[in-house]
N, C-alpha and C. Protein backbone atom coordinates (compact mmCIF):
# COMPACT_ATOMS: atom_id res chain seq x y z
N MET A 1 230.28 -83.47 117.19
CA MET A 1 230.47 -84.34 116.05
C MET A 1 229.41 -85.44 116.05
N ILE A 2 229.11 -85.98 117.20
CA ILE A 2 228.12 -87.06 117.28
C ILE A 2 226.74 -86.56 116.86
N GLU A 3 226.38 -85.36 117.31
CA GLU A 3 225.08 -84.80 116.95
C GLU A 3 224.96 -84.59 115.44
N GLU A 4 226.01 -84.07 114.84
CA GLU A 4 226.00 -83.86 113.39
C GLU A 4 225.93 -85.19 112.65
N ARG A 5 226.61 -86.19 113.15
CA ARG A 5 226.59 -87.52 112.52
C ARG A 5 225.21 -88.13 112.61
N GLN A 6 224.49 -87.87 113.71
CA GLN A 6 223.15 -88.41 113.86
C GLN A 6 222.17 -87.74 112.90
N LYS A 7 222.40 -86.47 112.58
CA LYS A 7 221.53 -85.76 111.64
C LYS A 7 221.65 -86.34 110.24
N LYS A 8 222.89 -86.59 109.83
CA LYS A 8 223.16 -87.08 108.48
C LYS A 8 224.59 -87.60 108.44
N PRO A 9 224.83 -88.74 107.81
CA PRO A 9 226.21 -89.25 107.72
C PRO A 9 227.12 -88.25 107.01
N PHE A 10 228.37 -88.21 107.44
CA PHE A 10 229.35 -87.34 106.78
C PHE A 10 229.68 -87.92 105.42
N GLU A 11 229.83 -87.03 104.45
CA GLU A 11 230.10 -87.46 103.08
C GLU A 11 231.57 -87.31 102.69
N SER A 12 232.30 -86.47 103.42
CA SER A 12 233.71 -86.24 103.09
C SER A 12 234.40 -85.55 104.26
N PHE A 13 235.72 -85.44 104.17
CA PHE A 13 236.47 -84.70 105.19
C PHE A 13 236.03 -83.25 105.20
N LYS A 14 235.79 -82.69 104.03
CA LYS A 14 235.34 -81.29 103.93
C LYS A 14 233.99 -81.12 104.63
N ASP A 15 233.10 -82.08 104.47
CA ASP A 15 231.80 -82.05 105.12
C ASP A 15 231.96 -82.01 106.64
N ILE A 16 232.87 -82.81 107.18
CA ILE A 16 233.13 -82.80 108.63
C ILE A 16 233.60 -81.42 109.06
N GLU A 17 234.56 -80.85 108.34
CA GLU A 17 235.12 -79.55 108.71
C GLU A 17 234.07 -78.44 108.64
N GLU A 18 233.12 -78.54 107.72
CA GLU A 18 232.08 -77.52 107.58
C GLU A 18 231.00 -77.65 108.65
N ARG A 19 230.67 -78.86 109.05
CA ARG A 19 229.55 -79.08 109.97
C ARG A 19 229.94 -79.14 111.43
N VAL A 20 231.19 -79.42 111.75
CA VAL A 20 231.62 -79.54 113.15
C VAL A 20 232.52 -78.36 113.50
N LYS A 21 232.04 -77.53 114.41
CA LYS A 21 232.81 -76.36 114.83
C LYS A 21 234.09 -76.79 115.55
N GLY A 22 235.18 -76.12 115.25
CA GLY A 22 236.45 -76.39 115.92
C GLY A 22 237.29 -77.48 115.27
N ILE A 23 236.77 -78.13 114.25
CA ILE A 23 237.53 -79.18 113.56
C ILE A 23 238.10 -78.60 112.27
N LYS A 24 239.40 -78.55 112.20
CA LYS A 24 240.10 -78.10 111.00
C LYS A 24 241.15 -79.14 110.65
N ASN A 25 241.36 -79.37 109.39
CA ASN A 25 242.37 -80.32 108.90
C ASN A 25 242.14 -81.72 109.48
N ILE A 26 240.95 -82.23 109.27
CA ILE A 26 240.56 -83.54 109.82
C ILE A 26 241.46 -84.66 109.31
N GLN A 27 241.96 -84.53 108.09
CA GLN A 27 242.85 -85.57 107.56
C GLN A 27 244.09 -85.71 108.44
N ASN A 28 244.65 -84.60 108.87
CA ASN A 28 245.84 -84.63 109.72
C ASN A 28 245.52 -85.20 111.10
N ILE A 29 244.36 -84.86 111.63
CA ILE A 29 243.94 -85.38 112.93
C ILE A 29 243.84 -86.91 112.88
N ILE A 30 243.22 -87.43 111.84
CA ILE A 30 243.07 -88.88 111.70
C ILE A 30 244.43 -89.53 111.48
N TYR A 31 245.26 -88.92 110.66
CA TYR A 31 246.62 -89.44 110.41
C TYR A 31 247.40 -89.55 111.71
N GLU A 32 247.39 -88.50 112.51
CA GLU A 32 248.13 -88.50 113.78
C GLU A 32 247.58 -89.57 114.73
N ARG A 33 246.27 -89.76 114.75
CA ARG A 33 245.66 -90.78 115.61
C ARG A 33 246.12 -92.18 115.19
N ILE A 34 246.14 -92.44 113.90
CA ILE A 34 246.58 -93.75 113.40
C ILE A 34 248.03 -94.00 113.78
N ILE A 35 248.88 -92.98 113.65
CA ILE A 35 250.29 -93.12 114.02
C ILE A 35 250.42 -93.45 115.50
N LEU A 36 249.65 -92.76 116.35
CA LEU A 36 249.68 -93.05 117.80
C LEU A 36 249.26 -94.49 118.08
N GLU A 37 248.20 -94.94 117.42
CA GLU A 37 247.74 -96.31 117.63
C GLU A 37 248.78 -97.33 117.19
N LEU A 38 249.38 -97.11 116.04
CA LEU A 38 250.38 -98.04 115.54
C LEU A 38 251.63 -98.07 116.42
N SER A 39 251.94 -96.95 117.07
CA SER A 39 253.12 -96.89 117.93
C SER A 39 252.88 -97.53 119.29
N GLY A 40 251.61 -97.88 119.58
CA GLY A 40 251.29 -98.52 120.85
C GLY A 40 251.06 -97.55 121.99
N LYS A 41 250.95 -96.26 121.71
CA LYS A 41 250.78 -95.25 122.75
C LYS A 41 249.32 -95.03 123.16
N GLU A 42 248.40 -95.65 122.46
CA GLU A 42 246.98 -95.52 122.77
C GLU A 42 246.42 -96.88 123.15
N LYS A 43 245.68 -96.94 124.25
CA LYS A 43 245.06 -98.20 124.66
C LYS A 43 243.82 -98.49 123.82
N ILE A 44 243.05 -97.46 123.54
CA ILE A 44 241.82 -97.63 122.78
C ILE A 44 242.12 -97.45 121.31
N LYS A 45 241.77 -98.45 120.53
CA LYS A 45 242.04 -98.43 119.09
C LYS A 45 240.77 -98.07 118.32
N LEU A 46 240.83 -97.02 117.53
CA LEU A 46 239.70 -96.62 116.70
C LEU A 46 239.90 -97.03 115.24
N PHE A 47 241.15 -97.04 114.80
CA PHE A 47 241.44 -97.27 113.39
C PHE A 47 242.30 -98.49 113.12
N THR A 48 242.93 -99.05 114.14
CA THR A 48 243.83 -100.18 113.94
C THR A 48 243.43 -101.33 114.86
N ILE A 49 244.03 -102.46 114.60
CA ILE A 49 243.75 -103.65 115.43
C ILE A 49 244.88 -103.83 116.42
């Protein structure tokens, strides 16, 4: 994902799914991560404060 991001910024969730192998349903992945962060189960926060 980092290599693809360095080539060109992602334009949409669909763009991420097309350019990064193994990533499907990125919206759900991000949603689940935000829920984990809000519940306090993650020490490192990517999307929340």
